[in-house]
Amino acid sequence: MSKSTINRLSRVEGQVRGIIKMLEEGRYCIDVLHQMQAVKSAFSRAENEILKEHAATCVASAMESGDLENQREKVSELIDLFEKLKR
């Protein structure tokens, strides 16, 4: 996994801790919701990075291998993932 993805997720972890602290302090709901939107956005960017890395490594390797079963498996995984994202 790339260092930038790990760093991004570490920042998300810190942001979530910050949101918990905001709630414990009784901060204004809209401020909390703004922070939650920032976390969702950062988490989505990390998700995209992981997906790109998966396509560039695991999927590409399966396509290059000539192993039809492995290729089908990787494509099926991506289809399942995209179906979940649509929900």
N, C-alpha and C. Protein backbone atom coordinates (compact mmCIF):
# COMPACT_ATOMS: atom_id res chain seq x y z
N MET A 1 0.85 -1.17 0.00
CA MET A 1 0.00 0.00 0.00
C MET A 1 0.89 1.23 0.00
N SER A 2 0.46 2.25 -0.72
CA SER A 2 1.29 3.45 -0.84
C SER A 2 1.31 4.23 0.47
N LYS A 3 2.42 4.89 0.69
CA LYS A 3 2.60 5.70 1.89
C LYS A 3 1.58 6.84 1.93
N SER A 4 1.25 7.40 0.77
CA SER A 4 0.28 8.51 0.75
C SER A 4 -1.11 8.05 1.21
N THR A 5 -1.49 6.83 0.85
CA THR A 5 -2.79 6.31 1.28
C THR A 5 -2.80 6.09 2.79
N ILE A 6 -1.72 5.53 3.30
CA ILE A 6 -1.62 5.31 4.75
C ILE A 6 -1.65 6.64 5.49
N ASN A 7 -0.92 7.64 4.97
CA ASN A 7 -0.92 8.96 5.59
C ASN A 7 -2.32 9.58 5.55
N ARG A 8 -3.01 9.44 4.43
CA ARG A 8 -4.36 9.99 4.30
C ARG A 8 -5.29 9.35 5.34
N LEU A 9 -5.21 8.04 5.47
CA LEU A 9 -6.07 7.34 6.44
C LEU A 9 -5.69 7.70 7.88
N SER A 10 -4.43 7.96 8.13
CA SER A 10 -4.03 8.41 9.47
C SER A 10 -4.63 9.78 9.78
N ARG A 11 -4.68 10.66 8.77
CA ARG A 11 -5.32 11.96 8.96
C ARG A 11 -6.81 11.79 9.21
N VAL A 12 -7.44 10.88 8.49
CA VAL A 12 -8.87 10.60 8.70
C VAL A 12 -9.08 10.14 10.14
N GLU A 13 -8.20 9.27 10.61
CA GLU A 13 -8.31 8.79 11.99
C GLU A 13 -8.26 9.96 12.97
N GLY A 14 -7.35 10.89 12.74
CA GLY A 14 -7.25 12.07 13.60
C GLY A 14 -8.49 12.94 13.51
N GLN A 15 -9.02 13.07 12.30
CA GLN A 15 -10.24 13.87 12.13
C GLN A 15 -11.42 13.24 12.88
N VAL A 16 -11.52 11.92 12.84
CA VAL A 16 -12.61 11.24 13.55
C VAL A 16 -12.46 11.46 15.05
N ARG A 17 -11.24 11.37 15.56
CA ARG A 17 -11.03 11.66 16.98
C ARG A 17 -11.44 13.09 17.31
N GLY A 18 -11.14 14.01 16.38
CA GLY A 18 -11.54 15.40 16.57
C GLY A 18 -13.05 15.57 16.60
N ILE A 19 -13.75 14.83 15.77
CA ILE A 19 -15.22 14.88 15.77
C ILE A 19 -15.77 14.36 17.09
N ILE A 20 -15.20 13.28 17.58
CA ILE A 20 -15.65 12.74 18.87
C ILE A 20 -15.47 13.79 19.97
N LYS A 21 -14.32 14.46 19.95
CA LYS A 21 -14.05 15.50 20.94
C LYS A 21 -15.05 16.65 20.81
N MET A 22 -15.36 17.03 19.56
CA MET A 22 -16.34 18.09 19.33
C MET A 22 -17.70 17.71 19.93
N LEU A 23 -18.10 16.45 19.73
CA LEU A 23 -19.38 16.00 20.28
C LEU A 23 -19.35 16.00 21.80
N GLU A 24 -18.24 15.54 22.37
CA GLU A 24 -18.11 15.53 23.83
C GLU A 24 -18.16 16.94 24.42
N GLU A 25 -17.66 17.91 23.66
CA GLU A 25 -17.65 19.30 24.11
C GLU A 25 -18.96 20.02 23.82
N GLY A 26 -19.87 19.34 23.11
CA GLY A 26 -21.15 19.94 22.80
C GLY A 26 -21.07 21.03 21.74
N ARG A 27 -20.13 20.87 20.81
CA ARG A 27 -19.95 21.88 19.76
C ARG A 27 -21.18 21.96 18.87
N TYR A 28 -21.29 23.06 18.16
CA TYR A 28 -22.42 23.35 17.27
C TYR A 28 -22.55 22.24 16.23
N CYS A 29 -23.76 21.73 16.07
CA CYS A 29 -24.02 20.58 15.19
C CYS A 29 -23.53 20.80 13.76
N ILE A 30 -23.73 21.98 13.24
CA ILE A 30 -23.32 22.26 11.86
C ILE A 30 -21.80 22.16 11.73
N ASP A 31 -21.07 22.63 12.73
CA ASP A 31 -19.61 22.50 12.71
C ASP A 31 -19.19 21.03 12.69
N VAL A 32 -19.87 20.23 13.49
CA VAL A 32 -19.59 18.79 13.52
C VAL A 32 -19.88 18.17 12.16
N LEU A 33 -21.01 18.53 11.58
CA LEU A 33 -21.39 17.98 10.28
C LEU A 33 -20.41 18.38 9.18
N HIS A 34 -19.89 19.60 9.27
CA HIS A 34 -18.87 20.03 8.29
C HIS A 34 -17.63 19.15 8.40
N GLN A 35 -17.23 18.86 9.63
CA GLN A 35 -16.06 17.99 9.83
C GLN A 35 -16.34 16.57 9.34
N MET A 36 -17.57 16.12 9.54
CA MET A 36 -17.93 14.78 9.06
C MET A 36 -17.87 14.72 7.54
N GLN A 37 -18.30 15.79 6.87
CA GLN A 37 -18.21 15.84 5.41
C GLN A 37 -16.75 15.79 4.96
N ALA A 38 -15.88 16.48 5.69
CA ALA A 38 -14.45 16.46 5.36
C ALA A 38 -13.88 15.05 5.50
N VAL A 39 -14.31 14.34 6.53
CA VAL A 39 -13.85 12.96 6.74
C VAL A 39 -14.35 12.07 5.60
N LYS A 40 -15.61 12.22 5.23
CA LYS A 40 -16.15 11.41 4.14
C LYS A 40 -15.40 11.66 2.84
N SER A 41 -15.07 12.90 2.59
CA SER A 41 -14.34 13.25 1.37
C SER A 41 -12.93 12.66 1.39
N ALA A 42 -12.24 12.80 2.50
CA ALA A 42 -10.88 12.26 2.62
C ALA A 42 -10.90 10.73 2.52
N PHE A 43 -11.89 10.11 3.12
CA PHE A 43 -12.02 8.66 3.09
C PHE A 43 -12.28 8.19 1.66
N SER A 44 -13.10 8.95 0.94
CA SER A 44 -13.40 8.63 -0.45
C SER A 44 -12.15 8.73 -1.33
N ARG A 45 -11.33 9.75 -1.07
CA ARG A 45 -10.08 9.88 -1.84
C ARG A 45 -9.15 8.70 -1.56
N ALA A 46 -9.08 8.26 -0.32
CA ALA A 46 -8.26 7.10 0.02
C ALA A 46 -8.80 5.85 -0.67
N GLU A 47 -10.10 5.72 -0.69
CA GLU A 47 -10.74 4.59 -1.36
C GLU A 47 -10.38 4.58 -2.85
N ASN A 48 -10.42 5.75 -3.46
CA ASN A 48 -10.06 5.85 -4.88
C ASN A 48 -8.61 5.47 -5.12
N GLU A 49 -7.72 5.90 -4.23
CA GLU A 49 -6.30 5.55 -4.37
C GLU A 49 -6.11 4.03 -4.30
N ILE A 50 -6.79 3.41 -3.37
CA ILE A 50 -6.67 1.95 -3.22
C ILE A 50 -7.23 1.24 -4.44
N LEU A 51 -8.34 1.71 -4.95
CA LEU A 51 -8.93 1.11 -6.15
C LEU A 51 -7.99 1.25 -7.34
N LYS A 52 -7.40 2.43 -7.52
CA LYS A 52 -6.46 2.63 -8.62
C LYS A 52 -5.25 1.70 -8.48
N GLU A 53 -4.76 1.57 -7.27
CA GLU A 53 -3.61 0.69 -7.04
C GLU A 53 -3.98 -0.77 -7.32
N HIS A 54 -5.18 -1.15 -6.93
CA HIS A 54 -5.65 -2.52 -7.19
C HIS A 54 -5.71 -2.77 -8.70
N ALA A 55 -6.26 -1.81 -9.43
CA ALA A 55 -6.37 -1.97 -10.88
C ALA A 55 -4.99 -2.03 -11.53
N ALA A 56 -4.07 -1.22 -11.04
CA ALA A 56 -2.74 -1.15 -11.64
C ALA A 56 -1.87 -2.35 -11.29
N THR A 57 -2.20 -3.04 -10.20
CA THR A 57 -1.35 -4.16 -9.78
C THR A 57 -2.10 -5.49 -9.92
N CYS A 58 -3.06 -5.72 -9.08
CA CYS A 58 -3.75 -7.02 -9.03
C CYS A 58 -4.49 -7.34 -10.32
N VAL A 59 -5.28 -6.38 -10.80
CA VAL A 59 -6.06 -6.62 -12.01
C VAL A 59 -5.13 -6.73 -13.22
N ALA A 60 -4.18 -5.82 -13.31
CA ALA A 60 -3.24 -5.85 -14.44
C ALA A 60 -2.45 -7.16 -14.46
N SER A 61 -2.04 -7.61 -13.30
CA SER A 61 -1.30 -8.87 -13.20
C SER A 61 -2.16 -10.05 -13.67
N ALA A 62 -3.42 -10.04 -13.28
CA ALA A 62 -4.33 -11.12 -13.70
C ALA A 62 -4.51 -11.10 -15.22
N MET A 63 -4.64 -9.91 -15.79
CA MET A 63 -4.82 -9.81 -17.24
C MET A 63 -3.58 -10.28 -18.00
N GLU A 64 -2.41 -9.96 -17.45
CA GLU A 64 -1.16 -10.34 -18.10
C GLU A 64 -0.83 -11.82 -17.92
N SER A 65 -1.40 -12.44 -16.89
CA SER A 65 -1.06 -13.83 -16.56
C SER A 65 -1.58 -14.83 -17.58
N GLY A 66 -2.65 -14.47 -18.27
CA GLY A 66 -3.26 -15.41 -19.19
C GLY A 66 -4.15 -16.44 -18.49
N ASP A 67 -4.25 -16.34 -17.17
CA ASP A 67 -5.08 -17.25 -16.39
C ASP A 67 -6.52 -16.77 -16.45
N LEU A 68 -7.32 -17.41 -17.28
CA LEU A 68 -8.69 -16.98 -17.52
C LEU A 68 -9.53 -16.94 -16.24
N GLU A 69 -9.36 -17.94 -15.39
CA GLU A 69 -10.12 -17.98 -14.13
C GLU A 69 -9.77 -16.80 -13.23
N ASN A 70 -8.49 -16.49 -13.12
CA ASN A 70 -8.04 -15.36 -12.31
C ASN A 70 -8.55 -14.04 -12.90
N GLN A 71 -8.54 -13.93 -14.21
CA GLN A 71 -9.05 -12.73 -14.87
C GLN A 71 -10.53 -12.54 -14.57
N ARG A 72 -11.29 -13.60 -14.69
CA ARG A 72 -12.73 -13.53 -14.40
C ARG A 72 -12.98 -13.14 -12.95
N GLU A 73 -12.18 -13.70 -12.06
CA GLU A 73 -12.32 -13.41 -10.63
C GLU A 73 -12.09 -11.92 -10.37
N LYS A 74 -11.04 -11.37 -10.93
CA LYS A 74 -10.73 -9.95 -10.70
C LYS A 74 -11.81 -9.04 -11.29
N VAL A 75 -12.29 -9.35 -12.47
CA VAL A 75 -13.36 -8.56 -13.08
C VAL A 75 -14.64 -8.67 -12.25
N SER A 76 -14.94 -9.86 -11.77
CA SER A 76 -16.12 -10.08 -10.94
C SER A 76 -16.02 -9.27 -9.64
N GLU A 77 -14.83 -9.24 -9.05
CA GLU A 77 -14.63 -8.45 -7.83
C GLU A 77 -14.93 -6.97 -8.08
N LEU A 78 -14.44 -6.46 -9.21
CA LEU A 78 -14.68 -5.06 -9.54
C LEU A 78 -16.16 -4.78 -9.78
N ILE A 79 -16.83 -5.67 -10.47
CA ILE A 79 -18.26 -5.50 -10.72
C ILE A 79 -19.03 -5.49 -9.40
N ASP A 80 -18.70 -6.43 -8.51
CA ASP A 80 -19.35 -6.47 -7.20
C ASP A 80 -19.12 -5.17 -6.43
N LEU A 81 -17.89 -4.67 -6.49
CA LEU A 81 -17.57 -3.43 -5.79
C LEU A 81 -18.38 -2.26 -6.35
N PHE A 82 -18.44 -2.14 -7.67
CA PHE A 82 -19.18 -1.05 -8.29
C PHE A 82 -20.68 -1.16 -7.99
N GLU A 83 -21.20 -2.36 -7.91
CA GLU A 83 -22.61 -2.53 -7.54
C GLU A 83 -22.86 -2.03 -6.12
N LYS A 84 -21.94 -2.30 -5.21
CA LYS A 84 -22.08 -1.83 -3.83
C LYS A 84 -22.00 -0.32 -3.76
N LEU A 85 -21.13 0.27 -4.58
CA LEU A 85 -20.97 1.73 -4.58
C LEU A 85 -22.23 2.44 -5.06
N LYS A 86 -23.00 1.80 -5.92
CA LYS A 86 -24.21 2.41 -6.45
C LYS A 86 -25.31 2.50 -5.41
N ARG A 87 -25.26 1.69 -4.38
CA ARG A 87 -26.31 1.67 -3.36
C ARG A 87 -26.25 2.85 -2.44
